[in-house]
Amino acid sequence: MPPLIQIDTRLLERRAAQAFRVTVRDLEDALPAAHQDRVYAWPGRTHRESGEVAGSPRTVYDTGTLADSQQPAEYRGPLQARITWDADYAAAVYLGAVFRKRQFSLPARNVPLHTLRALNLPDRFRERLAALL
């Protein structure tokens, strides 16, 4: 009979879930400020509600409503989370929009994706997990 080797991964799974939650909190903390990164191309100039005249590159921050509409992360499993924004226009800003009646479009200014790339979440998760092991 061949030898039986059993590996108990429960501790590793718990540590991975802890590291994941800390990594998600890092992302949650970084997202509001990322709205003020001046990295988004835009055709032309805009007079914002705040009184600022925005050119290109620009931030997506005007009155703070979009950044402030970020909701706490919803955890759907030990390694799955979702962060949402409840401002009515969040999808139009992040994903872009086409207005048929106005015959123009808004380019996407994807703050979440920009922030994910800037934070390098795989490396951050790896660092958080290594600190717990």
N, C-alpha and C. Protein backbone atom coordinates (compact mmCIF):
# COMPACT_ATOMS: atom_id res chain seq x y z
N MET A 1 0.85 -1.18 0.00
CA MET A 1 0.00 0.00 0.00
C MET A 1 0.90 1.26 0.00
N PRO A 2 0.67 2.18 -0.92
CA PRO A 2 1.51 3.39 -0.98
C PRO A 2 1.23 4.27 0.25
N PRO A 3 2.22 5.06 0.63
CA PRO A 3 2.02 5.95 1.79
C PRO A 3 0.96 7.01 1.48
N LEU A 4 0.21 7.36 2.47
CA LEU A 4 -0.84 8.37 2.34
C LEU A 4 -0.34 9.67 2.96
N ILE A 5 -0.39 10.71 2.18
CA ILE A 5 0.02 12.03 2.67
C ILE A 5 -1.20 12.93 2.64
N GLN A 6 -1.53 13.48 3.79
CA GLN A 6 -2.66 14.40 3.87
C GLN A 6 -2.12 15.79 4.20
N ILE A 7 -2.62 16.76 3.47
CA ILE A 7 -2.20 18.14 3.70
C ILE A 7 -3.43 18.92 4.13
N ASP A 8 -3.35 19.54 5.28
CA ASP A 8 -4.45 20.35 5.80
C ASP A 8 -4.21 21.80 5.36
N THR A 9 -5.04 22.27 4.44
CA THR A 9 -4.86 23.62 3.89
C THR A 9 -5.72 24.67 4.58
N ARG A 10 -6.41 24.30 5.64
CA ARG A 10 -7.32 25.24 6.29
C ARG A 10 -6.61 26.49 6.80
N LEU A 11 -5.43 26.34 7.41
CA LEU A 11 -4.70 27.51 7.90
C LEU A 11 -4.29 28.41 6.73
N LEU A 12 -3.79 27.82 5.66
CA LEU A 12 -3.41 28.60 4.48
C LEU A 12 -4.63 29.33 3.91
N GLU A 13 -5.76 28.66 3.85
CA GLU A 13 -6.97 29.29 3.33
C GLU A 13 -7.40 30.46 4.21
N ARG A 14 -7.31 30.30 5.53
CA ARG A 14 -7.66 31.40 6.44
C ARG A 14 -6.72 32.59 6.26
N ARG A 15 -5.43 32.29 6.16
CA ARG A 15 -4.44 33.37 5.97
C ARG A 15 -4.64 34.07 4.62
N ALA A 16 -4.96 33.30 3.59
CA ALA A 16 -5.22 33.90 2.28
C ALA A 16 -6.44 34.81 2.34
N ALA A 17 -7.48 34.39 3.04
CA ALA A 17 -8.67 35.23 3.18
C ALA A 17 -8.35 36.51 3.95
N GLN A 18 -7.52 36.40 5.00
CA GLN A 18 -7.11 37.60 5.76
C GLN A 18 -6.30 38.54 4.88
N ALA A 19 -5.35 38.00 4.14
CA ALA A 19 -4.52 38.82 3.25
C ALA A 19 -5.37 39.49 2.18
N PHE A 20 -6.35 38.75 1.68
CA PHE A 20 -7.24 39.30 0.66
C PHE A 20 -8.03 40.49 1.21
N ARG A 21 -8.58 40.37 2.40
CA ARG A 21 -9.35 41.46 2.99
C ARG A 21 -8.49 42.71 3.22
N VAL A 22 -7.27 42.52 3.65
CA VAL A 22 -6.37 43.67 3.84
C VAL A 22 -6.04 44.31 2.49
N THR A 23 -5.83 43.49 1.48
CA THR A 23 -5.54 44.00 0.14
C THR A 23 -6.74 44.78 -0.41
N VAL A 24 -7.94 44.27 -0.20
CA VAL A 24 -9.14 44.99 -0.64
C VAL A 24 -9.27 46.32 0.10
N ARG A 25 -8.95 46.34 1.39
CA ARG A 25 -8.98 47.60 2.14
C ARG A 25 -7.97 48.60 1.57
N ASP A 26 -6.79 48.11 1.16
CA ASP A 26 -5.81 48.98 0.51
C ASP A 26 -6.42 49.62 -0.74
N LEU A 27 -7.11 48.81 -1.52
CA LEU A 27 -7.76 49.31 -2.73
C LEU A 27 -8.86 50.32 -2.38
N GLU A 28 -9.70 49.97 -1.41
CA GLU A 28 -10.77 50.89 -0.99
C GLU A 28 -10.19 52.23 -0.55
N ASP A 29 -9.07 52.20 0.16
CA ASP A 29 -8.45 53.44 0.63
C ASP A 29 -7.86 54.26 -0.50
N ALA A 30 -7.35 53.60 -1.54
CA ALA A 30 -6.69 54.30 -2.64
C ALA A 30 -7.68 54.88 -3.65
N LEU A 31 -8.84 54.29 -3.80
CA LEU A 31 -9.78 54.69 -4.85
C LEU A 31 -10.26 56.15 -4.75
N PRO A 32 -10.69 56.65 -3.59
CA PRO A 32 -11.18 58.04 -3.58
C PRO A 32 -10.14 59.05 -4.05
N ALA A 33 -8.90 58.92 -3.61
CA ALA A 33 -7.86 59.86 -4.03
C ALA A 33 -7.52 59.71 -5.51
N ALA A 34 -7.69 58.51 -6.06
CA ALA A 34 -7.37 58.27 -7.47
C ALA A 34 -8.26 59.09 -8.41
N HIS A 35 -9.41 59.53 -7.93
CA HIS A 35 -10.27 60.39 -8.76
C HIS A 35 -9.59 61.73 -9.04
N GLN A 36 -8.58 62.07 -8.25
CA GLN A 36 -7.89 63.35 -8.43
C GLN A 36 -6.59 63.21 -9.21
N ASP A 37 -6.30 62.01 -9.72
CA ASP A 37 -5.12 61.82 -10.57
C ASP A 37 -5.37 62.48 -11.91
N ARG A 38 -4.47 63.33 -12.35
CA ARG A 38 -4.62 64.06 -13.62
C ARG A 38 -4.02 63.22 -14.75
N VAL A 39 -4.75 62.18 -15.15
CA VAL A 39 -4.23 61.25 -16.15
C VAL A 39 -5.21 60.96 -17.29
N TYR A 40 -6.38 61.56 -17.26
CA TYR A 40 -7.43 61.19 -18.21
C TYR A 40 -7.51 62.19 -19.37
N ALA A 41 -7.34 61.66 -20.58
CA ALA A 41 -7.43 62.50 -21.77
C ALA A 41 -8.87 62.92 -21.99
N TRP A 42 -9.04 64.11 -22.55
CA TRP A 42 -10.37 64.65 -22.78
C TRP A 42 -10.32 65.61 -23.95
N PRO A 43 -11.28 65.53 -24.85
CA PRO A 43 -11.29 66.46 -25.98
C PRO A 43 -11.89 67.81 -25.57
N GLY A 44 -11.08 68.83 -25.48
CA GLY A 44 -11.58 70.17 -25.17
C GLY A 44 -11.51 70.53 -23.71
N ARG A 45 -12.20 71.63 -23.39
CA ARG A 45 -12.23 72.16 -22.03
C ARG A 45 -13.65 72.11 -21.50
N THR A 46 -13.76 72.00 -20.19
CA THR A 46 -15.07 71.90 -19.53
C THR A 46 -15.10 72.84 -18.35
N HIS A 47 -16.20 73.58 -18.22
CA HIS A 47 -16.43 74.39 -17.02
C HIS A 47 -17.18 73.50 -16.04
N ARG A 48 -16.53 73.17 -14.96
CA ARG A 48 -17.11 72.25 -13.98
C ARG A 48 -18.00 72.97 -12.99
N GLU A 49 -18.84 72.19 -12.36
CA GLU A 49 -19.76 72.71 -11.35
C GLU A 49 -19.00 73.40 -10.22
N SER A 50 -17.79 72.92 -9.93
CA SER A 50 -16.98 73.50 -8.86
C SER A 50 -16.40 74.86 -9.25
N GLY A 51 -16.51 75.23 -10.53
CA GLY A 51 -15.95 76.48 -11.01
C GLY A 51 -14.64 76.30 -11.74
N GLU A 52 -14.02 75.13 -11.62
CA GLU A 52 -12.76 74.85 -12.29
C GLU A 52 -12.98 74.71 -13.80
N VAL A 53 -12.00 75.12 -14.58
CA VAL A 53 -11.99 74.85 -16.02
C VAL A 53 -11.00 73.72 -16.23
N ALA A 54 -11.50 72.60 -16.70
CA ALA A 54 -10.68 71.40 -16.85
C ALA A 54 -10.32 71.21 -18.31
N GLY A 55 -9.03 70.96 -18.56
CA GLY A 55 -8.53 70.66 -19.90
C GLY A 55 -8.15 69.20 -19.99
N SER A 56 -7.03 68.96 -20.65
CA SER A 56 -6.57 67.58 -20.81
C SER A 56 -5.06 67.54 -20.64
N PRO A 57 -4.52 66.58 -19.92
CA PRO A 57 -5.23 65.55 -19.16
C PRO A 57 -5.93 66.16 -17.95
N ARG A 58 -6.88 65.45 -17.44
CA ARG A 58 -7.69 65.97 -16.34
C ARG A 58 -7.97 64.90 -15.31
N THR A 59 -8.52 65.34 -14.19
CA THR A 59 -9.01 64.42 -13.17
C THR A 59 -10.48 64.13 -13.48
N VAL A 60 -11.09 63.24 -12.75
CA VAL A 60 -12.54 63.06 -12.86
C VAL A 60 -13.22 63.70 -11.66
N TYR A 61 -12.46 64.40 -10.84
CA TYR A 61 -12.99 64.98 -9.60
C TYR A 61 -13.56 66.37 -9.89
N ASP A 62 -14.81 66.59 -9.51
CA ASP A 62 -15.43 67.91 -9.63
C ASP A 62 -15.94 68.32 -8.26
N THR A 63 -17.09 67.83 -7.88
CA THR A 63 -17.65 68.17 -6.57
C THR A 63 -17.38 67.10 -5.52
N GLY A 64 -16.85 65.95 -5.93
CA GLY A 64 -16.58 64.86 -5.00
C GLY A 64 -17.70 63.86 -4.90
N THR A 65 -18.82 64.10 -5.57
CA THR A 65 -19.97 63.22 -5.46
C THR A 65 -19.64 61.80 -5.91
N LEU A 66 -18.96 61.65 -7.03
CA LEU A 66 -18.64 60.32 -7.54
C LEU A 66 -17.69 59.59 -6.59
N ALA A 67 -16.61 60.22 -6.19
CA ALA A 67 -15.67 59.58 -5.27
C ALA A 67 -16.35 59.22 -3.95
N ASP A 68 -17.20 60.10 -3.47
CA ASP A 68 -17.89 59.87 -2.19
C ASP A 68 -18.97 58.80 -2.28
N SER A 69 -19.36 58.43 -3.49
CA SER A 69 -20.44 57.44 -3.64
C SER A 69 -19.92 56.00 -3.57
N GLN A 70 -18.61 55.84 -3.37
CA GLN A 70 -18.04 54.49 -3.23
C GLN A 70 -18.65 53.79 -2.02
N GLN A 71 -19.07 52.56 -2.23
CA GLN A 71 -19.67 51.76 -1.17
C GLN A 71 -18.63 50.81 -0.58
N PRO A 72 -18.80 50.41 0.66
CA PRO A 72 -17.86 49.44 1.25
C PRO A 72 -17.86 48.14 0.44
N ALA A 73 -16.73 47.50 0.42
CA ALA A 73 -16.60 46.24 -0.32
C ALA A 73 -17.61 45.22 0.20
N GLU A 74 -18.22 44.51 -0.73
CA GLU A 74 -19.10 43.39 -0.41
C GLU A 74 -18.29 42.12 -0.65
N TYR A 75 -18.18 41.30 0.37
CA TYR A 75 -17.43 40.05 0.23
C TYR A 75 -18.41 38.94 -0.13
N ARG A 76 -18.14 38.30 -1.26
CA ARG A 76 -19.03 37.26 -1.77
C ARG A 76 -18.44 35.88 -1.59
N GLY A 77 -17.29 35.82 -0.98
CA GLY A 77 -16.59 34.57 -0.71
C GLY A 77 -15.27 34.93 -0.08
N PRO A 78 -14.49 33.95 0.34
CA PRO A 78 -13.23 34.26 1.02
C PRO A 78 -12.24 35.01 0.15
N LEU A 79 -12.32 34.85 -1.17
CA LEU A 79 -11.39 35.53 -2.07
C LEU A 79 -12.14 36.25 -3.20
N GLN A 80 -13.29 36.79 -2.87
CA GLN A 80 -14.08 37.50 -3.88
C GLN A 80 -14.75 38.70 -3.23
N ALA A 81 -14.52 39.88 -3.83
CA ALA A 81 -15.11 41.11 -3.29
C ALA A 81 -15.57 41.98 -4.45
N ARG A 82 -16.53 42.85 -4.15
CA ARG A 82 -17.05 43.78 -5.14
C ARG A 82 -17.15 45.15 -4.50
N ILE A 83 -16.63 46.17 -5.20
CA ILE A 83 -16.73 47.56 -4.77
C ILE A 83 -17.60 48.27 -5.80
N THR A 84 -18.58 49.01 -5.34
CA THR A 84 -19.49 49.71 -6.25
C THR A 84 -19.57 51.19 -5.89
N TRP A 85 -20.11 51.96 -6.82
CA TRP A 85 -20.37 53.39 -6.62
C TRP A 85 -21.84 53.61 -6.92
N ASP A 86 -22.52 54.41 -6.10
CA ASP A 86 -23.95 54.58 -6.33
C ASP A 86 -24.31 55.92 -6.98
N ALA A 87 -23.33 56.70 -7.42
CA ALA A 87 -23.65 57.90 -8.20
C ALA A 87 -24.30 57.46 -9.51
N ASP A 88 -25.36 58.17 -9.92
CA ASP A 88 -26.10 57.78 -11.13
C ASP A 88 -25.22 57.71 -12.37
N TYR A 89 -24.18 58.49 -12.42
CA TYR A 89 -23.35 58.60 -13.62
C TYR A 89 -22.03 57.84 -13.52
N ALA A 90 -21.87 57.01 -12.50
CA ALA A 90 -20.60 56.29 -12.32
C ALA A 90 -20.24 55.46 -13.55
N ALA A 91 -21.17 54.70 -14.08
CA ALA A 91 -20.88 53.86 -15.24
C ALA A 91 -20.48 54.70 -16.45
N ALA A 92 -21.13 55.83 -16.66
CA ALA A 92 -20.80 56.69 -17.80
C ALA A 92 -19.37 57.24 -17.68
N VAL A 93 -18.96 57.58 -16.47
CA VAL A 93 -17.61 58.10 -16.28
C VAL A 93 -16.59 56.98 -16.44
N TYR A 94 -16.79 55.87 -15.77
CA TYR A 94 -15.80 54.81 -15.76
C TYR A 94 -15.73 54.04 -17.07
N LEU A 95 -16.87 53.83 -17.72
CA LEU A 95 -16.92 53.00 -18.92
C LEU A 95 -17.11 53.79 -20.21
N GLY A 96 -17.44 55.08 -20.09
CA GLY A 96 -17.73 55.89 -21.27
C GLY A 96 -19.20 55.81 -21.61
N ALA A 97 -19.64 56.71 -22.47
CA ALA A 97 -21.06 56.74 -22.84
C ALA A 97 -21.22 57.39 -24.22
N VAL A 98 -22.27 56.96 -24.91
CA VAL A 98 -22.63 57.56 -26.19
C VAL A 98 -24.04 58.11 -26.04
N PHE A 99 -24.22 59.38 -26.37
CA PHE A 99 -25.52 60.02 -26.27
C PHE A 99 -26.04 60.23 -27.69
N ARG A 100 -27.04 59.46 -28.06
CA ARG A 100 -27.55 59.52 -29.43
C ARG A 100 -28.25 60.85 -29.71
N LYS A 101 -29.03 61.34 -28.77
CA LYS A 101 -29.75 62.59 -29.00
C LYS A 101 -28.80 63.78 -29.12
N ARG A 102 -27.72 63.74 -28.37
CA ARG A 102 -26.75 64.83 -28.39
C ARG A 102 -25.66 64.61 -29.44
N GLN A 103 -25.57 63.43 -29.98
CA GLN A 103 -24.60 63.05 -31.00
C GLN A 103 -23.16 63.30 -30.57
N PHE A 104 -22.84 62.90 -29.34
CA PHE A 104 -21.45 62.93 -28.90
C PHE A 104 -21.24 61.82 -27.89
N SER A 105 -20.00 61.59 -27.58
CA SER A 105 -19.70 60.52 -26.63
C SER A 105 -18.74 61.03 -25.56
N LEU A 106 -18.75 60.35 -24.44
CA LEU A 106 -17.82 60.62 -23.35
C LEU A 106 -16.80 59.51 -23.32
N PRO A 107 -15.52 59.83 -23.39
CA PRO A 107 -14.54 58.75 -23.29
C PRO A 107 -14.52 58.16 -21.88
N ALA A 108 -14.18 56.89 -21.79
CA ALA A 108 -14.08 56.24 -20.49
C ALA A 108 -12.93 56.82 -19.69
N ARG A 109 -13.16 57.05 -18.42
CA ARG A 109 -12.12 57.46 -17.47
C ARG A 109 -12.21 56.46 -16.32
N ASN A 110 -11.59 55.32 -16.53
CA ASN A 110 -11.80 54.17 -15.66
C ASN A 110 -10.90 54.24 -14.42
N VAL A 111 -11.36 54.98 -13.43
CA VAL A 111 -10.62 55.15 -12.18
C VAL A 111 -10.35 53.81 -11.49
N PRO A 112 -11.33 52.90 -11.39
CA PRO A 112 -11.03 51.62 -10.74
C PRO A 112 -9.90 50.85 -11.44
N LEU A 113 -9.94 50.78 -12.76
CA LEU A 113 -8.90 50.05 -13.48
C LEU A 113 -7.55 50.74 -13.33
N HIS A 114 -7.52 52.05 -13.44
CA HIS A 114 -6.28 52.82 -13.24
C HIS A 114 -5.69 52.54 -11.86
N THR A 115 -6.54 52.50 -10.85
CA THR A 115 -6.08 52.27 -9.48
C THR A 115 -5.58 50.84 -9.31
N LEU A 116 -6.29 49.87 -9.88
CA LEU A 116 -5.85 48.48 -9.81
C LEU A 116 -4.45 48.32 -10.41
N ARG A 117 -4.23 48.96 -11.55
CA ARG A 117 -2.91 48.87 -12.18
C ARG A 117 -1.84 49.57 -11.35
N ALA A 118 -2.16 50.73 -10.80
CA ALA A 118 -1.19 51.48 -10.02
C ALA A 118 -0.80 50.76 -8.74
N LEU A 119 -1.75 50.09 -8.11
CA LEU A 119 -1.47 49.40 -6.85
C LEU A 119 -0.79 48.05 -7.04
N ASN A 120 -0.91 47.47 -8.22
CA ASN A 120 -0.38 46.14 -8.50
C ASN A 120 -0.87 45.16 -7.43
N LEU A 121 -2.16 44.90 -7.47
CA LEU A 121 -2.79 44.06 -6.44
C LEU A 121 -2.19 42.67 -6.29
N PRO A 122 -1.77 42.00 -7.36
CA PRO A 122 -1.15 40.68 -7.12
C PRO A 122 0.09 40.78 -6.22
N ASP A 123 0.94 41.76 -6.46
CA ASP A 123 2.12 41.93 -5.60
C ASP A 123 1.72 42.31 -4.19
N ARG A 124 0.73 43.19 -4.08
CA ARG A 124 0.29 43.61 -2.75
C ARG A 124 -0.30 42.42 -1.97
N PHE A 125 -1.10 41.60 -2.64
CA PHE A 125 -1.66 40.41 -1.99
C PHE A 125 -0.55 39.46 -1.57
N ARG A 126 0.42 39.26 -2.46
CA ARG A 126 1.54 38.36 -2.15
C ARG A 126 2.29 38.86 -0.90
N GLU A 127 2.52 40.17 -0.81
CA GLU A 127 3.21 40.74 0.35
C GLU A 127 2.38 40.55 1.62
N ARG A 128 1.08 40.80 1.53
CA ARG A 128 0.19 40.65 2.69
C ARG A 128 0.15 39.20 3.16
N LEU A 129 0.08 38.28 2.21
CA LEU A 129 0.03 36.86 2.56
C LEU A 129 1.35 36.42 3.18
N ALA A 130 2.46 36.82 2.60
CA ALA A 130 3.77 36.43 3.15
C ALA A 130 3.94 36.92 4.58
N ALA A 131 3.40 38.10 4.89
CA ALA A 131 3.51 38.63 6.25
C ALA A 131 2.72 37.80 7.27
N LEU A 132 1.71 37.08 6.80
CA LEU A 132 0.86 36.29 7.69
C LEU A 132 1.34 34.84 7.85
N LEU A 133 2.22 34.41 6.98
CA LEU A 133 2.67 33.01 7.03
C LEU A 133 3.90 32.84 7.89
